Amino acid sequence: QREMVAFITDTGYYADYADSVKGRFT
């Protein structure tokens, strides 16, 4: 299934990641 990897808010102030990519993807 399609899964979310990361998102970033409108101003770029906040971003979050799937556990599987944390620390590797930005």
mmCIF file of all heavy atoms, coordinates in Angstrom:
data_MODEL
# 
_entry.id   MODEL 
# 
loop_
_atom_site.group_PDB 
_atom_site.id 
_atom_site.type_symbol 
_atom_site.label_atom_id 
_atom_site.label_alt_id 
_atom_site.label_comp_id 
_atom_site.label_asym_id 
_atom_site.label_entity_id 
_atom_site.label_seq_id 
_atom_site.pdbx_PDB_ins_code 
_atom_site.Cartn_x 
_atom_site.Cartn_y 
_atom_site.Cartn_z 
_atom_site.occupancy 
_atom_site.B_iso_or_equiv 
_atom_site.pdbx_formal_charge 
_atom_site.auth_seq_id 
_atom_site.auth_comp_id 
_atom_site.auth_asym_id 
_atom_site.auth_atom_id 
_atom_site.pdbx_PDB_model_num 
ATOM 1   N N   . GLN A 1 1  ? 0.836  -1.202 0.000  1.00 0.00 ? 1  GLN A N   1 
ATOM 2   C CA  . GLN A 1 1  ? 0.000  0.000  0.000  1.00 0.00 ? 1  GLN A CA  1 
ATOM 3   C C   . GLN A 1 1  ? 0.876  1.260  0.000  1.00 0.00 ? 1  GLN A C   1 
ATOM 4   O O   . GLN A 1 1  ? 2.012  1.227  0.486  1.00 0.00 ? 1  GLN A O   1 
ATOM 5   C CB  . GLN A 1 1  ? -0.904 0.004  1.233  1.00 0.00 ? 1  GLN A CB  1 
ATOM 6   C CG  . GLN A 1 1  ? -2.035 -1.004 1.170  1.00 0.00 ? 1  GLN A CG  1 
ATOM 7   C CD  . GLN A 1 1  ? -3.046 -0.802 2.282  1.00 0.00 ? 1  GLN A CD  1 
ATOM 8   O OE1 . GLN A 1 1  ? -2.689 -0.380 3.384  1.00 0.00 ? 1  GLN A OE1 1 
ATOM 9   N NE2 . GLN A 1 1  ? -4.297 -1.104 2.012  1.00 0.00 ? 1  GLN A NE2 1 
ATOM 10  N N   . ARG A 1 2  ? 0.317  2.317  -0.521 1.00 0.00 ? 2  ARG A N   1 
ATOM 11  C CA  . ARG A 1 2  ? 1.000  3.603  -0.478 1.00 0.00 ? 2  ARG A CA  1 
ATOM 12  C C   . ARG A 1 2  ? 1.094  4.058  0.974  1.00 0.00 ? 2  ARG A C   1 
ATOM 13  O O   . ARG A 1 2  ? 0.127  3.955  1.735  1.00 0.00 ? 2  ARG A O   1 
ATOM 14  C CB  . ARG A 1 2  ? 0.248  4.630  -1.318 1.00 0.00 ? 2  ARG A CB  1 
ATOM 15  C CG  . ARG A 1 2  ? 1.016  5.873  -1.630 1.00 0.00 ? 2  ARG A CG  1 
ATOM 16  C CD  . ARG A 1 2  ? 0.278  6.740  -2.639 1.00 0.00 ? 2  ARG A CD  1 
ATOM 17  N NE  . ARG A 1 2  ? 0.164  6.082  -3.939 1.00 0.00 ? 2  ARG A NE  1 
ATOM 18  C CZ  . ARG A 1 2  ? -0.251 6.708  -5.038 1.00 0.00 ? 2  ARG A CZ  1 
ATOM 19  N NH1 . ARG A 1 2  ? -0.583 7.991  -4.995 1.00 0.00 ? 2  ARG A NH1 1 
ATOM 20  N NH2 . ARG A 1 2  ? -0.341 6.047  -6.178 1.00 0.00 ? 2  ARG A NH2 1 
ATOM 21  N N   . GLU A 1 3  ? 2.264  4.569  1.363  1.00 0.00 ? 3  GLU A N   1 
ATOM 22  C CA  . GLU A 1 3  ? 2.461  5.021  2.731  1.00 0.00 ? 3  GLU A CA  1 
ATOM 23  C C   . GLU A 1 3  ? 3.085  6.413  2.728  1.00 0.00 ? 3  GLU A C   1 
ATOM 24  O O   . GLU A 1 3  ? 3.869  6.755  1.839  1.00 0.00 ? 3  GLU A O   1 
ATOM 25  C CB  . GLU A 1 3  ? 3.382  4.056  3.494  1.00 0.00 ? 3  GLU A CB  1 
ATOM 26  C CG  . GLU A 1 3  ? 4.790  3.940  2.933  1.00 0.00 ? 3  GLU A CG  1 
ATOM 27  C CD  . GLU A 1 3  ? 5.734  3.137  3.822  1.00 0.00 ? 3  GLU A CD  1 
ATOM 28  O OE1 . GLU A 1 3  ? 5.371  2.805  4.974  1.00 0.00 ? 3  GLU A OE1 1 
ATOM 29  O OE2 . GLU A 1 3  ? 6.858  2.858  3.369  1.00 0.00 ? 3  GLU A OE2 1 
ATOM 30  N N   . MET A 1 4  ? 2.732  7.201  3.754  1.00 0.00 ? 4  MET A N   1 
ATOM 31  C CA  . MET A 1 4  ? 3.317  8.519  3.873  1.00 0.00 ? 4  MET A CA  1 
ATOM 32  C C   . MET A 1 4  ? 4.731  8.405  4.444  1.00 0.00 ? 4  MET A C   1 
ATOM 33  O O   . MET A 1 4  ? 4.938  7.715  5.440  1.00 0.00 ? 4  MET A O   1 
ATOM 34  C CB  . MET A 1 4  ? 2.477  9.440  4.746  1.00 0.00 ? 4  MET A CB  1 
ATOM 35  C CG  . MET A 1 4  ? 2.948  10.885 4.676  1.00 0.00 ? 4  MET A CG  1 
ATOM 36  S SD  . MET A 1 4  ? 1.812  12.052 5.433  1.00 0.00 ? 4  MET A SD  1 
ATOM 37  C CE  . MET A 1 4  ? 1.960  11.610 7.156  1.00 0.00 ? 4  MET A CE  1 
ATOM 38  N N   . VAL A 1 5  ? 5.648  9.113  3.812  1.00 0.00 ? 5  VAL A N   1 
ATOM 39  C CA  . VAL A 1 5  ? 7.053  9.098  4.216  1.00 0.00 ? 5  VAL A CA  1 
ATOM 40  C C   . VAL A 1 5  ? 7.373  10.298 5.092  1.00 0.00 ? 5  VAL A C   1 
ATOM 41  O O   . VAL A 1 5  ? 8.052  10.163 6.114  1.00 0.00 ? 5  VAL A O   1 
ATOM 42  C CB  . VAL A 1 5  ? 7.951  9.087  2.967  1.00 0.00 ? 5  VAL A CB  1 
ATOM 43  C CG1 . VAL A 1 5  ? 9.417  9.237  3.349  1.00 0.00 ? 5  VAL A CG1 1 
ATOM 44  C CG2 . VAL A 1 5  ? 7.718  7.832  2.147  1.00 0.00 ? 5  VAL A CG2 1 
ATOM 45  N N   . ALA A 1 6  ? 6.877  11.465 4.676  1.00 0.00 ? 6  ALA A N   1 
ATOM 46  C CA  . ALA A 1 6  ? 7.203  12.701 5.391  1.00 0.00 ? 6  ALA A CA  1 
ATOM 47  C C   . ALA A 1 6  ? 6.204  13.777 5.023  1.00 0.00 ? 6  ALA A C   1 
ATOM 48  O O   . ALA A 1 6  ? 5.602  13.734 3.950  1.00 0.00 ? 6  ALA A O   1 
ATOM 49  C CB  . ALA A 1 6  ? 8.612  13.168 5.049  1.00 0.00 ? 6  ALA A CB  1 
ATOM 50  N N   . PHE A 1 7  ? 6.048  14.753 5.902  1.00 0.00 ? 7  PHE A N   1 
ATOM 51  C CA  . PHE A 1 7  ? 5.268  15.931 5.566  1.00 0.00 ? 7  PHE A CA  1 
ATOM 52  C C   . PHE A 1 7  ? 5.940  17.157 6.153  1.00 0.00 ? 7  PHE A C   1 
ATOM 53  O O   . PHE A 1 7  ? 6.725  17.059 7.113  1.00 0.00 ? 7  PHE A O   1 
ATOM 54  C CB  . PHE A 1 7  ? 3.814  15.821 6.043  1.00 0.00 ? 7  PHE A CB  1 
ATOM 55  C CG  . PHE A 1 7  ? 3.624  15.982 7.528  1.00 0.00 ? 7  PHE A CG  1 
ATOM 56  C CD1 . PHE A 1 7  ? 3.448  17.239 8.099  1.00 0.00 ? 7  PHE A CD1 1 
ATOM 57  C CD2 . PHE A 1 7  ? 3.601  14.873 8.356  1.00 0.00 ? 7  PHE A CD2 1 
ATOM 58  C CE1 . PHE A 1 7  ? 3.269  17.387 9.459  1.00 0.00 ? 7  PHE A CE1 1 
ATOM 59  C CE2 . PHE A 1 7  ? 3.420  15.012 9.728  1.00 0.00 ? 7  PHE A CE2 1 
ATOM 60  C CZ  . PHE A 1 7  ? 3.258  16.271 10.288 1.00 0.00 ? 7  PHE A CZ  1 
ATOM 61  N N   . ILE A 1 8  ? 5.612  18.308 5.578  1.00 0.00 ? 8  ILE A N   1 
ATOM 62  C CA  . ILE A 1 8  ? 6.149  19.572 6.058  1.00 0.00 ? 8  ILE A CA  1 
ATOM 63  C C   . ILE A 1 8  ? 5.028  20.605 5.998  1.00 0.00 ? 8  ILE A C   1 
ATOM 64  O O   . ILE A 1 8  ? 4.269  20.661 5.016  1.00 0.00 ? 8  ILE A O   1 
ATOM 65  C CB  . ILE A 1 8  ? 7.382  20.002 5.233  1.00 0.00 ? 8  ILE A CB  1 
ATOM 66  C CG1 . ILE A 1 8  ? 8.051  21.239 5.824  1.00 0.00 ? 8  ILE A CG1 1 
ATOM 67  C CG2 . ILE A 1 8  ? 7.043  20.212 3.757  1.00 0.00 ? 8  ILE A CG2 1 
ATOM 68  C CD1 . ILE A 1 8  ? 9.443  21.505 5.262  1.00 0.00 ? 8  ILE A CD1 1 
ATOM 69  N N   . THR A 1 9  ? 4.895  21.402 7.045  1.00 0.00 ? 9  THR A N   1 
ATOM 70  C CA  . THR A 1 9  ? 3.819  22.369 7.110  1.00 0.00 ? 9  THR A CA  1 
ATOM 71  C C   . THR A 1 9  ? 4.070  23.551 6.176  1.00 0.00 ? 9  THR A C   1 
ATOM 72  O O   . THR A 1 9  ? 5.149  23.687 5.599  1.00 0.00 ? 9  THR A O   1 
ATOM 73  C CB  . THR A 1 9  ? 3.618  22.858 8.544  1.00 0.00 ? 9  THR A CB  1 
ATOM 74  O OG1 . THR A 1 9  ? 4.874  23.377 9.032  1.00 0.00 ? 9  THR A OG1 1 
ATOM 75  C CG2 . THR A 1 9  ? 3.161  21.721 9.447  1.00 0.00 ? 9  THR A CG2 1 
ATOM 76  N N   . ASP A 1 10 ? 3.073  24.414 6.045  1.00 0.00 ? 10 ASP A N   1 
ATOM 77  C CA  . ASP A 1 10 ? 3.101  25.465 5.035  1.00 0.00 ? 10 ASP A CA  1 
ATOM 78  C C   . ASP A 1 10 ? 4.325  26.370 5.124  1.00 0.00 ? 10 ASP A C   1 
ATOM 79  O O   . ASP A 1 10 ? 4.939  26.709 4.107  1.00 0.00 ? 10 ASP A O   1 
ATOM 80  C CB  . ASP A 1 10 ? 1.827  26.297 5.084  1.00 0.00 ? 10 ASP A CB  1 
ATOM 81  C CG  . ASP A 1 10 ? 1.488  26.823 6.475  1.00 0.00 ? 10 ASP A CG  1 
ATOM 82  O OD1 . ASP A 1 10 ? 2.226  26.492 7.424  1.00 0.00 ? 10 ASP A OD1 1 
ATOM 83  O OD2 . ASP A 1 10 ? 0.489  27.553 6.592  1.00 0.00 ? 10 ASP A OD2 1 
ATOM 84  N N   . THR A 1 11 ? 4.702  26.746 6.339  1.00 0.00 ? 11 THR A N   1 
ATOM 85  C CA  . THR A 1 11 ? 5.858  27.642 6.489  1.00 0.00 ? 11 THR A CA  1 
ATOM 86  C C   . THR A 1 11 ? 7.177  26.880 6.540  1.00 0.00 ? 11 THR A C   1 
ATOM 87  O O   . THR A 1 11 ? 8.242  27.482 6.510  1.00 0.00 ? 11 THR A O   1 
ATOM 88  C CB  . THR A 1 11 ? 5.733  28.460 7.779  1.00 0.00 ? 11 THR A CB  1 
ATOM 89  O OG1 . THR A 1 11 ? 5.727  27.554 8.888  1.00 0.00 ? 11 THR A OG1 1 
ATOM 90  C CG2 . THR A 1 11 ? 4.475  29.301 7.776  1.00 0.00 ? 11 THR A CG2 1 
ATOM 91  N N   . GLY A 1 12 ? 7.079  25.551 6.646  1.00 0.00 ? 12 GLY A N   1 
ATOM 92  C CA  . GLY A 1 12 ? 8.284  24.751 6.806  1.00 0.00 ? 12 GLY A CA  1 
ATOM 93  C C   . GLY A 1 12 ? 8.747  24.645 8.239  1.00 0.00 ? 12 GLY A C   1 
ATOM 94  O O   . GLY A 1 12 ? 9.793  24.052 8.519  1.00 0.00 ? 12 GLY A O   1 
ATOM 95  N N   . TYR A 1 13 ? 7.948  25.180 9.169  1.00 0.00 ? 13 TYR A N   1 
ATOM 96  C CA  . TYR A 1 13 ? 8.370  25.197 10.576 1.00 0.00 ? 13 TYR A CA  1 
ATOM 97  C C   . TYR A 1 13 ? 8.383  23.800 11.166 1.00 0.00 ? 13 TYR A C   1 
ATOM 98  O O   . TYR A 1 13 ? 9.196  23.485 12.036 1.00 0.00 ? 13 TYR A O   1 
ATOM 99  C CB  . TYR A 1 13 ? 7.426  26.096 11.377 1.00 0.00 ? 13 TYR A CB  1 
ATOM 100 C CG  . TYR A 1 13 ? 7.796  26.220 12.825 1.00 0.00 ? 13 TYR A CG  1 
ATOM 101 C CD1 . TYR A 1 13 ? 8.837  27.038 13.228 1.00 0.00 ? 13 TYR A CD1 1 
ATOM 102 C CD2 . TYR A 1 13 ? 7.101  25.500 13.803 1.00 0.00 ? 13 TYR A CD2 1 
ATOM 103 C CE1 . TYR A 1 13 ? 9.182  27.159 14.563 1.00 0.00 ? 13 TYR A CE1 1 
ATOM 104 C CE2 . TYR A 1 13 ? 7.443  25.606 15.137 1.00 0.00 ? 13 TYR A CE2 1 
ATOM 105 C CZ  . TYR A 1 13 ? 8.484  26.448 15.521 1.00 0.00 ? 13 TYR A CZ  1 
ATOM 106 O OH  . TYR A 1 13 ? 8.819  26.551 16.838 1.00 0.00 ? 13 TYR A OH  1 
ATOM 107 N N   . TYR A 1 14 ? 7.446  22.968 10.729 1.00 0.00 ? 14 TYR A N   1 
ATOM 108 C CA  . TYR A 1 14 ? 7.330  21.640 11.339 1.00 0.00 ? 14 TYR A CA  1 
ATOM 109 C C   . TYR A 1 14 ? 7.319  20.564 10.255 1.00 0.00 ? 14 TYR A C   1 
ATOM 110 O O   . TYR A 1 14 ? 6.671  20.717 9.214  1.00 0.00 ? 14 TYR A O   1 
ATOM 111 C CB  . TYR A 1 14 ? 6.045  21.548 12.164 1.00 0.00 ? 14 TYR A CB  1 
ATOM 112 C CG  . TYR A 1 14 ? 5.892  20.228 12.875 1.00 0.00 ? 14 TYR A CG  1 
ATOM 113 C CD1 . TYR A 1 14 ? 6.629  19.949 14.024 1.00 0.00 ? 14 TYR A CD1 1 
ATOM 114 C CD2 . TYR A 1 14 ? 5.024  19.241 12.391 1.00 0.00 ? 14 TYR A CD2 1 
ATOM 115 C CE1 . TYR A 1 14 ? 6.504  18.726 14.675 1.00 0.00 ? 14 TYR A CE1 1 
ATOM 116 C CE2 . TYR A 1 14 ? 4.901  18.028 13.035 1.00 0.00 ? 14 TYR A CE2 1 
ATOM 117 C CZ  . TYR A 1 14 ? 5.637  17.775 14.174 1.00 0.00 ? 14 TYR A CZ  1 
ATOM 118 O OH  . TYR A 1 14 ? 5.521  16.568 14.818 1.00 0.00 ? 14 TYR A OH  1 
ATOM 119 N N   . ALA A 1 15 ? 8.041  19.496 10.535 1.00 0.00 ? 15 ALA A N   1 
ATOM 120 C CA  . ALA A 1 15 ? 8.064  18.349 9.643  1.00 0.00 ? 15 ALA A CA  1 
ATOM 121 C C   . ALA A 1 15 ? 8.073  17.082 10.481 1.00 0.00 ? 15 ALA A C   1 
ATOM 122 O O   . ALA A 1 15 ? 8.502  17.094 11.637 1.00 0.00 ? 15 ALA A O   1 
ATOM 123 C CB  . ALA A 1 15 ? 9.292  18.387 8.739  1.00 0.00 ? 15 ALA A CB  1 
ATOM 124 N N   . ASP A 1 16 ? 7.595  16.012 9.915  1.00 0.00 ? 16 ASP A N   1 
ATOM 125 C CA  . ASP A 1 16 ? 7.640  14.731 10.614 1.00 0.00 ? 16 ASP A CA  1 
ATOM 126 C C   . ASP A 1 16 ? 7.800  13.620 9.593  1.00 0.00 ? 16 ASP A C   1 
ATOM 127 O O   . ASP A 1 16 ? 7.568  13.824 8.396  1.00 0.00 ? 16 ASP A O   1 
ATOM 128 C CB  . ASP A 1 16 ? 6.379  14.521 11.455 1.00 0.00 ? 16 ASP A CB  1 
ATOM 129 C CG  . ASP A 1 16 ? 6.618  13.568 12.615 1.00 0.00 ? 16 ASP A CG  1 
ATOM 130 O OD1 . ASP A 1 16 ? 7.766  13.063 12.763 1.00 0.00 ? 16 ASP A OD1 1 
ATOM 131 O OD2 . ASP A 1 16 ? 5.675  13.304 13.382 1.00 0.00 ? 16 ASP A OD2 1 
ATOM 132 N N   . TYR A 1 17 ? 8.179  12.446 10.106 1.00 0.00 ? 17 TYR A N   1 
ATOM 133 C CA  . TYR A 1 17 ? 8.603  11.359 9.240  1.00 0.00 ? 17 TYR A CA  1 
ATOM 134 C C   . TYR A 1 17 ? 8.042  10.033 9.704  1.00 0.00 ? 17 TYR A C   1 
ATOM 135 O O   . TYR A 1 17 ? 7.784  9.828  10.900 1.00 0.00 ? 17 TYR A O   1 
ATOM 136 C CB  . TYR A 1 17 ? 10.133 11.273 9.247  1.00 0.00 ? 17 TYR A CB  1 
ATOM 137 C CG  . TYR A 1 17 ? 10.809 12.555 8.824  1.00 0.00 ? 17 TYR A CG  1 
ATOM 138 C CD1 . TYR A 1 17 ? 11.075 13.560 9.745  1.00 0.00 ? 17 TYR A CD1 1 
ATOM 139 C CD2 . TYR A 1 17 ? 11.153 12.767 7.492  1.00 0.00 ? 17 TYR A CD2 1 
ATOM 140 C CE1 . TYR A 1 17 ? 11.667 14.745 9.351  1.00 0.00 ? 17 TYR A CE1 1 
ATOM 141 C CE2 . TYR A 1 17 ? 11.753 13.948 7.092  1.00 0.00 ? 17 TYR A CE2 1 
ATOM 142 C CZ  . TYR A 1 17 ? 12.013 14.929 8.024  1.00 0.00 ? 17 TYR A CZ  1 
ATOM 143 O OH  . TYR A 1 17 ? 12.597 16.104 7.625  1.00 0.00 ? 17 TYR A OH  1 
ATOM 144 N N   . ALA A 1 18 ? 7.910  9.108  8.766  1.00 0.00 ? 18 ALA A N   1 
ATOM 145 C CA  . ALA A 1 18 ? 7.624  7.736  9.138  1.00 0.00 ? 18 ALA A CA  1 
ATOM 146 C C   . ALA A 1 18 ? 8.807  7.186  9.925  1.00 0.00 ? 18 ALA A C   1 
ATOM 147 O O   . ALA A 1 18 ? 9.958  7.556  9.681  1.00 0.00 ? 18 ALA A O   1 
ATOM 148 C CB  . ALA A 1 18 ? 7.386  6.901  7.886  1.00 0.00 ? 18 ALA A CB  1 
ATOM 149 N N   . ASP A 1 19 ? 8.517  6.296  10.869 1.00 0.00 ? 19 ASP A N   1 
ATOM 150 C CA  . ASP A 1 19 ? 9.581  5.735  11.690 1.00 0.00 ? 19 ASP A CA  1 
ATOM 151 C C   . ASP A 1 19 ? 10.661 5.070  10.837 1.00 0.00 ? 19 ASP A C   1 
ATOM 152 O O   . ASP A 1 19 ? 11.841 5.103  11.189 1.00 0.00 ? 19 ASP A O   1 
ATOM 153 C CB  . ASP A 1 19 ? 9.002  4.718  12.676 1.00 0.00 ? 19 ASP A CB  1 
ATOM 154 C CG  . ASP A 1 19 ? 8.228  5.376  13.796 1.00 0.00 ? 19 ASP A CG  1 
ATOM 155 O OD1 . ASP A 1 19 ? 8.386  6.600  13.997 1.00 0.00 ? 19 ASP A OD1 1 
ATOM 156 O OD2 . ASP A 1 19 ? 7.450  4.668  14.467 1.00 0.00 ? 19 ASP A OD2 1 
ATOM 157 N N   . SER A 1 20 ? 10.254 4.478  9.740  1.00 0.00 ? 20 SER A N   1 
ATOM 158 C CA  . SER A 1 20 ? 11.188 3.732  8.898  1.00 0.00 ? 20 SER A CA  1 
ATOM 159 C C   . SER A 1 20 ? 12.245 4.613  8.228  1.00 0.00 ? 20 SER A C   1 
ATOM 160 O O   . SER A 1 20 ? 13.267 4.100  7.756  1.00 0.00 ? 20 SER A O   1 
ATOM 161 C CB  . SER A 1 20 ? 10.424 2.949  7.829  1.00 0.00 ? 20 SER A CB  1 
ATOM 162 O OG  . SER A 1 20 ? 9.641  3.828  7.033  1.00 0.00 ? 20 SER A OG  1 
ATOM 163 N N   . VAL A 1 21 ? 12.007 5.926  8.178  1.00 0.00 ? 21 VAL A N   1 
ATOM 164 C CA  . VAL A 1 21 ? 12.959 6.806  7.498  1.00 0.00 ? 21 VAL A CA  1 
ATOM 165 C C   . VAL A 1 21 ? 13.538 7.885  8.412  1.00 0.00 ? 21 VAL A C   1 
ATOM 166 O O   . VAL A 1 21 ? 14.409 8.653  7.983  1.00 0.00 ? 21 VAL A O   1 
ATOM 167 C CB  . VAL A 1 21 ? 12.327 7.485  6.256  1.00 0.00 ? 21 VAL A CB  1 
ATOM 168 C CG1 . VAL A 1 21 ? 11.701 6.438  5.340  1.00 0.00 ? 21 VAL A CG1 1 
ATOM 169 C CG2 . VAL A 1 21 ? 11.306 8.550  6.638  1.00 0.00 ? 21 VAL A CG2 1 
ATOM 170 N N   . LYS A 1 22 ? 13.096 7.932  9.637  1.00 0.00 ? 22 LYS A N   1 
ATOM 171 C CA  . LYS A 1 22 ? 13.591 8.962  10.568 1.00 0.00 ? 22 LYS A CA  1 
ATOM 172 C C   . LYS A 1 22 ? 15.100 8.860  10.718 1.00 0.00 ? 22 LYS A C   1 
ATOM 173 O O   . LYS A 1 22 ? 15.655 7.771  10.891 1.00 0.00 ? 22 LYS A O   1 
ATOM 174 C CB  . LYS A 1 22 ? 12.920 8.803  11.938 1.00 0.00 ? 22 LYS A CB  1 
ATOM 175 C CG  . LYS A 1 22 ? 11.613 9.531  12.049 1.00 0.00 ? 22 LYS A CG  1 
ATOM 176 C CD  . LYS A 1 22 ? 11.017 9.433  13.450 1.00 0.00 ? 22 LYS A CD  1 
ATOM 177 C CE  . LYS A 1 22 ? 9.692  10.153 13.512 1.00 0.00 ? 22 LYS A CE  1 
ATOM 178 N NZ  . LYS A 1 22 ? 9.034  10.020 14.818 1.00 0.00 ? 22 LYS A NZ  1 
ATOM 179 N N   . GLY A 1 23 ? 15.754 10.006 10.664 1.00 0.00 ? 23 GLY A N   1 
ATOM 180 C CA  . GLY A 1 23 ? 17.202 10.043 10.790 1.00 0.00 ? 23 GLY A CA  1 
ATOM 181 C C   . GLY A 1 23 ? 17.935 9.834  9.483  1.00 0.00 ? 23 GLY A C   1 
ATOM 182 O O   . GLY A 1 23 ? 19.150 10.051 9.406  1.00 0.00 ? 23 GLY A O   1 
ATOM 183 N N   . ARG A 1 24 ? 17.206 9.427  8.429  1.00 0.00 ? 24 ARG A N   1 
ATOM 184 C CA  . ARG A 1 24 ? 17.838 9.192  7.116  1.00 0.00 ? 24 ARG A CA  1 
ATOM 185 C C   . ARG A 1 24 ? 17.305 10.143 6.051  1.00 0.00 ? 24 ARG A C   1 
ATOM 186 O O   . ARG A 1 24 ? 18.046 10.521 5.148  1.00 0.00 ? 24 ARG A O   1 
ATOM 187 C CB  . ARG A 1 24 ? 17.601 7.751  6.670  1.00 0.00 ? 24 ARG A CB  1 
ATOM 188 C CG  . ARG A 1 24 ? 18.161 6.704  7.618  1.00 0.00 ? 24 ARG A CG  1 
ATOM 189 C CD  . ARG A 1 24 ? 18.067 5.304  7.032  1.00 0.00 ? 24 ARG A CD  1 
ATOM 190 N NE  . ARG A 1 24 ? 16.688 4.892  6.785  1.00 0.00 ? 24 ARG A NE  1 
ATOM 191 C CZ  . ARG A 1 24 ? 16.211 4.525  5.599  1.00 0.00 ? 24 ARG A CZ  1 
ATOM 192 N NH1 . ARG A 1 24 ? 16.998 4.531  4.533  1.00 0.00 ? 24 ARG A NH1 1 
ATOM 193 N NH2 . ARG A 1 24 ? 14.949 4.142  5.459  1.00 0.00 ? 24 ARG A NH2 1 
ATOM 194 N N   . PHE A 1 25 ? 16.027 10.495 6.141  1.00 0.00 ? 25 PHE A N   1 
ATOM 195 C CA  . PHE A 1 25 ? 15.395 11.363 5.146  1.00 0.00 ? 25 PHE A CA  1 
ATOM 196 C C   . PHE A 1 25 ? 15.131 12.733 5.747  1.00 0.00 ? 25 PHE A C   1 
ATOM 197 O O   . PHE A 1 25 ? 14.828 12.849 6.938  1.00 0.00 ? 25 PHE A O   1 
ATOM 198 C CB  . PHE A 1 25 ? 14.060 10.781 4.684  1.00 0.00 ? 25 PHE A CB  1 
ATOM 199 C CG  . PHE A 1 25 ? 14.151 9.537  3.848  1.00 0.00 ? 25 PHE A CG  1 
ATOM 200 C CD1 . PHE A 1 25 ? 15.328 8.816  3.700  1.00 0.00 ? 25 PHE A CD1 1 
ATOM 201 C CD2 . PHE A 1 25 ? 13.011 9.059  3.201  1.00 0.00 ? 25 PHE A CD2 1 
ATOM 202 C CE1 . PHE A 1 25 ? 15.393 7.665  2.936  1.00 0.00 ? 25 PHE A CE1 1 
ATOM 203 C CE2 . PHE A 1 25 ? 13.050 7.913  2.425  1.00 0.00 ? 25 PHE A CE2 1 
ATOM 204 C CZ  . PHE A 1 25 ? 14.249 7.226  2.299  1.00 0.00 ? 25 PHE A CZ  1 
ATOM 205 N N   . THR A 1 26 ? 15.214 13.761 4.898  1.00 0.00 ? 26 THR A N   1 
ATOM 206 C CA  . THR A 1 26 ? 14.902 15.126 5.313  1.00 0.00 ? 26 THR A CA  1 
ATOM 207 C C   . THR A 1 26 ? 14.023 15.777 4.250  1.00 0.00 ? 26 THR A C   1 
ATOM 208 O O   . THR A 1 26 ? 14.399 15.815 3.078  1.00 0.00 ? 26 THR A O   1 
ATOM 209 C CB  . THR A 1 26 ? 16.177 15.954 5.505  1.00 0.00 ? 26 THR A CB  1 
ATOM 210 O OG1 . THR A 1 26 ? 17.029 15.313 6.462  1.00 0.00 ? 26 THR A OG1 1 
ATOM 211 C CG2 . THR A 1 26 ? 15.837 17.354 5.999  1.00 0.00 ? 26 THR A CG2 1 
# 
